[in-house]
Amino acid sequence: MIGAIVGEKIGSDKVLATIVDATFNYWSDRLDAAIVLSSLLSFGFFMTVVAAERWSVRYF
């Protein structure tokens, strides 16, 4: 997820780049919201991979 955030900052001017922009502009409310949302997305993606792994390993 960290790679996605850095790549987003380099390639785009929206979405995940909010974390970096909020840091430099001292927007603590936006920074907190962006960090929480990024953490929730990371956790969701991780749990999706775990579920897919458990499903696929059962059948081997």
PDB file of N, CA and C in Angstrom:
ATOM      1  N   MET A   1       0.815  -1.191   0.000  1.00  0.00           N
ATOM      2  CA  MET A   1       0.000   0.000   0.000  1.00  0.00           C
ATOM      3  C   MET A   1       0.856   1.252   0.000  1.00  0.00           C
ATOM      4  N   ILE A   2       1.996   1.180   0.648  1.00  0.00           N
ATOM      5  CA  ILE A   2       2.897   2.333   0.643  1.00  0.00           C
ATOM      6  C   ILE A   2       3.367   2.625  -0.776  1.00  0.00           C
ATOM      7  N   GLY A   3       3.656   1.580  -1.539  1.00  0.00           N
ATOM      8  CA  GLY A   3       4.044   1.767  -2.940  1.00  0.00           C
ATOM      9  C   GLY A   3       2.945   2.415  -3.755  1.00  0.00           C
ATOM     10  N   ALA A   4       1.707   2.061  -3.482  1.00  0.00           N
ATOM     11  CA  ALA A   4       0.578   2.673  -4.187  1.00  0.00           C
ATOM     12  C   ALA A   4       0.463   4.149  -3.849  1.00  0.00           C
ATOM     13  N   ILE A   5       0.696   4.497  -2.612  1.00  0.00           N
ATOM     14  CA  ILE A   5       0.612   5.904  -2.202  1.00  0.00           C
ATOM     15  C   ILE A   5       1.721   6.712  -2.867  1.00  0.00           C
ATOM     16  N   VAL A   6       2.931   6.187  -2.866  1.00  0.00           N
ATOM     17  CA  VAL A   6       4.046   6.900  -3.498  1.00  0.00           C
ATOM     18  C   VAL A   6       3.829   6.989  -5.003  1.00  0.00           C
ATOM     19  N   GLY A   7       3.398   5.904  -5.634  1.00  0.00           N
ATOM     20  CA  GLY A   7       3.132   5.920  -7.065  1.00  0.00           C
ATOM     21  C   GLY A   7       2.017   6.874  -7.430  1.00  0.00           C
ATOM     22  N   GLU A   8       1.024   6.950  -6.590  1.00  0.00           N
ATOM     23  CA  GLU A   8      -0.084   7.881  -6.827  1.00  0.00           C
ATOM     24  C   GLU A   8       0.408   9.321  -6.741  1.00  0.00           C
ATOM     25  N   LYS A   9       1.298   9.611  -5.839  1.00  0.00           N
ATOM     26  CA  LYS A   9       1.821  10.972  -5.709  1.00  0.00           C
ATOM     27  C   LYS A   9       2.620  11.350  -6.946  1.00  0.00           C
ATOM     28  N   ILE A  10       3.362  10.416  -7.496  1.00  0.00           N
ATOM     29  CA  ILE A  10       4.180  10.698  -8.670  1.00  0.00           C
ATOM     30  C   ILE A  10       3.322  10.834  -9.918  1.00  0.00           C
ATOM     31  N   GLY A  11       2.316   9.970 -10.059  1.00  0.00           N
ATOM     32  CA  GLY A  11       1.562   9.918 -11.296  1.00  0.00           C
ATOM     33  C   GLY A  11       0.264  10.685 -11.333  1.00  0.00           C
ATOM     34  N   SER A  12      -0.181  11.223 -10.224  1.00  0.00           N
ATOM     35  CA  SER A  12      -1.491  11.865 -10.216  1.00  0.00           C
ATOM     36  C   SER A  12      -1.500  13.038  -9.244  1.00  0.00           C
ATOM     37  N   ASP A  13      -2.547  13.839  -9.349  1.00  0.00           N
ATOM     38  CA  ASP A  13      -2.654  14.967  -8.439  1.00  0.00           C
ATOM     39  C   ASP A  13      -3.881  14.841  -7.528  1.00  0.00           C
ATOM     40  N   LYS A  14      -4.458  13.644  -7.448  1.00  0.00           N
ATOM     41  CA  LYS A  14      -5.657  13.445  -6.636  1.00  0.00           C
ATOM     42  C   LYS A  14      -5.552  12.159  -5.821  1.00  0.00           C
ATOM     43  N   VAL A  15      -6.571  11.842  -5.127  1.00  0.00           N
ATOM     44  CA  VAL A  15      -6.800  10.628  -4.354  1.00  0.00           C
ATOM     45  C   VAL A  15      -5.756  10.429  -3.259  1.00  0.00           C
ATOM     46  N   LEU A  16      -4.856   9.470  -3.377  1.00  0.00           N
ATOM     47  CA  LEU A  16      -3.933   9.145  -2.289  1.00  0.00           C
ATOM     48  C   LEU A  16      -2.876  10.215  -2.052  1.00  0.00           C
ATOM     49  N   ALA A  17      -2.677  11.106  -3.011  1.00  0.00           N
ATOM     50  CA  ALA A  17      -1.713  12.191  -2.829  1.00  0.00           C
ATOM     51  C   ALA A  17      -2.166  13.148  -1.735  1.00  0.00           C
ATOM     52  N   THR A  18      -3.388  13.014  -1.288  1.00  0.00           N
ATOM     53  CA  THR A  18      -3.919  13.858  -0.214  1.00  0.00           C
ATOM     54  C   THR A  18      -3.071  13.718   1.046  1.00  0.00           C
ATOM     55  N   ILE A  19      -2.537  12.547   1.298  1.00  0.00           N
ATOM     56  CA  ILE A  19      -1.715  12.332   2.501  1.00  0.00           C
ATOM     57  C   ILE A  19      -0.495  13.245   2.476  1.00  0.00           C
ATOM     58  N   VAL A  20       0.193  13.278   1.372  1.00  0.00           N
ATOM     59  CA  VAL A  20       1.399  14.103   1.276  1.00  0.00           C
ATOM     60  C   VAL A  20       1.039  15.577   1.283  1.00  0.00           C
ATOM     61  N   ASP A  21       0.015  15.950   0.539  1.00  0.00           N
ATOM     62  CA  ASP A  21      -0.395  17.355   0.502  1.00  0.00           C
ATOM     63  C   ASP A  21      -0.856  17.829   1.881  1.00  0.00           C
ATOM     64  N   ALA A  22      -1.609  17.018   2.574  1.00  0.00           N
ATOM     65  CA  ALA A  22      -2.085  17.400   3.902  1.00  0.00           C
ATOM     66  C   ALA A  22      -0.931  17.531   4.888  1.00  0.00           C
ATOM     67  N   THR A  23       0.097  16.718   4.715  1.00  0.00           N
ATOM     68  CA  THR A  23       1.262  16.805   5.594  1.00  0.00           C
ATOM     69  C   THR A  23       1.980  18.132   5.414  1.00  0.00           C
ATOM     70  N   PHE A  24       2.215  18.509   4.162  1.00  0.00           N
ATOM     71  CA  PHE A  24       2.961  19.741   3.907  1.00  0.00           C
ATOM     72  C   PHE A  24       2.148  21.004   4.173  1.00  0.00           C
ATOM     73  N   ASN A  25       0.830  20.925   4.099  1.00  0.00           N
ATOM     74  CA  ASN A  25      -0.017  22.093   4.304  1.00  0.00           C
ATOM     75  C   ASN A  25      -0.650  22.149   5.696  1.00  0.00           C
ATOM     76  N   TYR A  26      -0.277  21.207   6.557  1.00  0.00           N
ATOM     77  CA  TYR A  26      -0.767  21.166   7.942  1.00  0.00           C
ATOM     78  C   TYR A  26      -2.288  21.046   8.035  1.00  0.00           C
ATOM     79  N   TRP A  27      -2.870  20.217   7.169  1.00  0.00           N
ATOM     80  CA  TRP A  27      -4.304  19.927   7.229  1.00  0.00           C
ATOM     81  C   TRP A  27      -4.475  18.637   8.024  1.00  0.00           C
ATOM     82  N   SER A  28      -4.501  18.745   9.323  1.00  0.00           N
ATOM     83  CA  SER A  28      -4.510  17.548  10.162  1.00  0.00           C
ATOM     84  C   SER A  28      -5.799  16.749  10.020  1.00  0.00           C
ATOM     85  N   ASP A  29      -6.926  17.392   9.794  1.00  0.00           N
ATOM     86  CA  ASP A  29      -8.168  16.648   9.648  1.00  0.00           C
ATOM     87  C   ASP A  29      -8.163  15.811   8.378  1.00  0.00           C
ATOM     88  N   ARG A  30      -7.680  16.370   7.286  1.00  0.00           N
ATOM     89  CA  ARG A  30      -7.588  15.601   6.035  1.00  0.00           C
ATOM     90  C   ARG A  30      -6.537  14.500   6.132  1.00  0.00           C
ATOM     91  N   LEU A  31      -5.450  14.802   6.806  1.00  0.00           N
ATOM     92  CA  LEU A  31      -4.394  13.804   6.975  1.00  0.00           C
ATOM     93  C   LEU A  31      -4.905  12.609   7.767  1.00  0.00           C
ATOM     94  N   ASP A  32      -5.599  12.861   8.864  1.00  0.00           N
ATOM     95  CA  ASP A  32      -6.145  11.773   9.671  1.00  0.00           C
ATOM     96  C   ASP A  32      -7.147  10.940   8.871  1.00  0.00           C
ATOM     97  N   ALA A  33      -8.023  11.609   8.140  1.00  0.00           N
ATOM     98  CA  ALA A  33      -9.013  10.890   7.346  1.00  0.00           C
ATOM     99  C   ALA A  33      -8.346  10.055   6.253  1.00  0.00           C
ATOM    100  N   ALA A  34      -7.358  10.599   5.592  1.00  0.00           N
ATOM    101  CA  ALA A  34      -6.675   9.869   4.533  1.00  0.00           C
ATOM    102  C   ALA A  34      -5.918   8.660   5.082  1.00  0.00           C
ATOM    103  N   ILE A  35      -5.313   8.809   6.236  1.00  0.00           N
ATOM    104  CA  ILE A  35      -4.582   7.694   6.849  1.00  0.00           C
ATOM    105  C   ILE A  35      -5.544   6.592   7.274  1.00  0.00           C
ATOM    106  N   VAL A  36      -6.670   6.969   7.867  1.00  0.00           N
ATOM    107  CA  VAL A  36      -7.660   5.973   8.290  1.00  0.00           C
ATOM    108  C   VAL A  36      -8.211   5.229   7.069  1.00  0.00           C
ATOM    109  N   LEU A  37      -8.562   5.965   6.027  1.00  0.00           N
ATOM    110  CA  LEU A  37      -9.095   5.310   4.828  1.00  0.00           C
ATOM    111  C   LEU A  37      -8.060   4.415   4.163  1.00  0.00           C
ATOM    112  N   SER A  38      -6.811   4.852   4.096  1.00  0.00           N
ATOM    113  CA  SER A  38      -5.757   4.021   3.521  1.00  0.00           C
ATOM    114  C   SER A  38      -5.544   2.756   4.349  1.00  0.00           C
ATOM    115  N   SER A  39      -5.605   2.890   5.662  1.00  0.00           N
ATOM    116  CA  SER A  39      -5.450   1.727   6.532  1.00  0.00           C
ATOM    117  C   SER A  39      -6.597   0.735   6.343  1.00  0.00           C
ATOM    118  N   LEU A  40      -7.817   1.254   6.258  1.00  0.00           N
ATOM    119  CA  LEU A  40      -8.971   0.376   6.044  1.00  0.00           C
ATOM    120  C   LEU A  40      -8.902  -0.327   4.689  1.00  0.00           C
ATOM    121  N   LEU A  41      -8.487   0.396   3.661  1.00  0.00           N
ATOM    122  CA  LEU A  41      -8.332  -0.226   2.340  1.00  0.00           C
ATOM    123  C   LEU A  41      -7.254  -1.310   2.371  1.00  0.00           C
ATOM    124  N   SER A  42      -6.134  -1.016   3.014  1.00  0.00           N
ATOM    125  CA  SER A  42      -5.059  -2.010   3.120  1.00  0.00           C
ATOM    126  C   SER A  42      -5.538  -3.259   3.844  1.00  0.00           C
ATOM    127  N   PHE A  43      -6.245  -3.076   4.950  1.00  0.00           N
ATOM    128  CA  PHE A  43      -6.759  -4.207   5.708  1.00  0.00           C
ATOM    129  C   PHE A  43      -7.761  -5.007   4.879  1.00  0.00           C
ATOM    130  N   GLY A  44      -8.625  -4.315   4.156  1.00  0.00           N
ATOM    131  CA  GLY A  44      -9.599  -4.996   3.303  1.00  0.00           C
ATOM    132  C   GLY A  44      -8.940  -5.815   2.201  1.00  0.00           C
ATOM    133  N   PHE A  45      -7.944  -5.237   1.548  1.00  0.00           N
ATOM    134  CA  PHE A  45      -7.226  -5.977   0.504  1.00  0.00           C
ATOM    135  C   PHE A  45      -6.500  -7.184   1.093  1.00  0.00           C
ATOM    136  N   PHE A  46      -5.897  -7.008   2.263  1.00  0.00           N
ATOM    137  CA  PHE A  46      -5.193  -8.109   2.916  1.00  0.00           C
ATOM    138  C   PHE A  46      -6.149  -9.244   3.253  1.00  0.00           C
ATOM    139  N   MET A  47      -7.304  -8.903   3.822  1.00  0.00           N
ATOM    140  CA  MET A  47      -8.271  -9.940   4.182  1.00  0.00           C
ATOM    141  C   MET A  47      -8.836 -10.639   2.936  1.00  0.00           C
ATOM    142  N   THR A  48      -8.953  -9.927   1.838  1.00  0.00           N
ATOM    143  CA  THR A  48      -9.393 -10.545   0.587  1.00  0.00           C
ATOM    144  C   THR A  48      -8.371 -11.577   0.115  1.00  0.00           C
ATOM    145  N   VAL A  49      -7.107 -11.248   0.197  1.00  0.00           N
ATOM    146  CA  VAL A  49      -6.055 -12.189  -0.196  1.00  0.00           C
ATOM    147  C   VAL A  49      -6.033 -13.389   0.746  1.00  0.00           C
ATOM    148  N   VAL A  50      -6.196 -13.156   2.032  1.00  0.00           N
ATOM    149  CA  VAL A  50      -6.228 -14.255   2.996  1.00  0.00           C
ATOM    150  C   VAL A  50      -7.399 -15.189   2.698  1.00  0.00           C
ATOM    151  N   ALA A  51      -8.566 -14.632   2.420  1.00  0.00           N
ATOM    152  CA  ALA A  51      -9.733 -15.459   2.112  1.00  0.00           C
ATOM    153  C   ALA A  51      -9.520 -16.254   0.821  1.00  0.00           C
ATOM    154  N   ALA A  52      -8.947 -15.634  -0.187  1.00  0.00           N
ATOM    155  CA  ALA A  52      -8.674 -16.334  -1.444  1.00  0.00           C
ATOM    156  C   ALA A  52      -7.651 -17.449  -1.234  1.00  0.00           C
ATOM    157  N   GLU A  53      -6.665 -17.194  -0.406  1.00  0.00           N
ATOM    158  CA  GLU A  53      -5.657 -18.208  -0.117  1.00  0.00           C
ATOM    159  C   GLU A  53      -6.276 -19.390   0.630  1.00  0.00           C
ATOM    160  N   ARG A  54      -7.096 -19.119   1.620  1.00  0.00           N
ATOM    161  CA  ARG A  54      -7.745 -20.206   2.369  1.00  0.00           C
ATOM    162  C   ARG A  54      -8.667 -21.018   1.469  1.00  0.00           C
ATOM    163  N   TRP A  55      -9.370 -20.346   0.576  1.00  0.00           N
ATOM    164  CA  TRP A  55     -10.270 -21.046  -0.337  1.00  0.00           C
ATOM    165  C   TRP A  55      -9.485 -21.913  -1.300  1.00  0.00           C
ATOM    166  N   SER A  56      -8.391 -21.395  -1.848  1.00  0.00           N
ATOM    167  CA  SER A  56      -7.628 -22.152  -2.848  1.00  0.00           C
ATOM    168  C   SER A  56      -6.816 -23.283  -2.215  1.00  0.00           C
ATOM    169  N   VAL A  57      -6.324 -23.129  -1.009  1.00  0.00           N
ATOM    170  CA  VAL A  57      -5.516 -24.170  -0.367  1.00  0.00           C
ATOM    171  C   VAL A  57      -6.388 -25.351   0.041  1.00  0.00           C
ATOM    172  N   ARG A  58      -7.648 -25.127   0.325  1.00  0.00           N
ATOM    173  CA  ARG A  58      -8.544 -26.215   0.691  1.00  0.00           C
ATOM    174  C   ARG A  58      -8.658 -27.255  -0.409  1.00  0.00           C
ATOM    175  N   TYR A  59      -8.532 -26.833  -1.641  1.00  0.00           N
ATOM    176  CA  TYR A  59      -8.769 -27.716  -2.763  1.00  0.00           C
ATOM    177  C   TYR A  59      -7.505 -28.352  -3.322  1.00  0.00           C
ATOM    178  N   PHE A  60      -6.356 -28.150  -2.667  1.00  0.00           N
ATOM    179  CA  PHE A  60      -5.121 -28.779  -3.138  1.00  0.00           C
ATOM    180  C   PHE A  60      -4.671 -29.870  -2.222  1.00  0.00           C
TER     181      PHE A  60
END
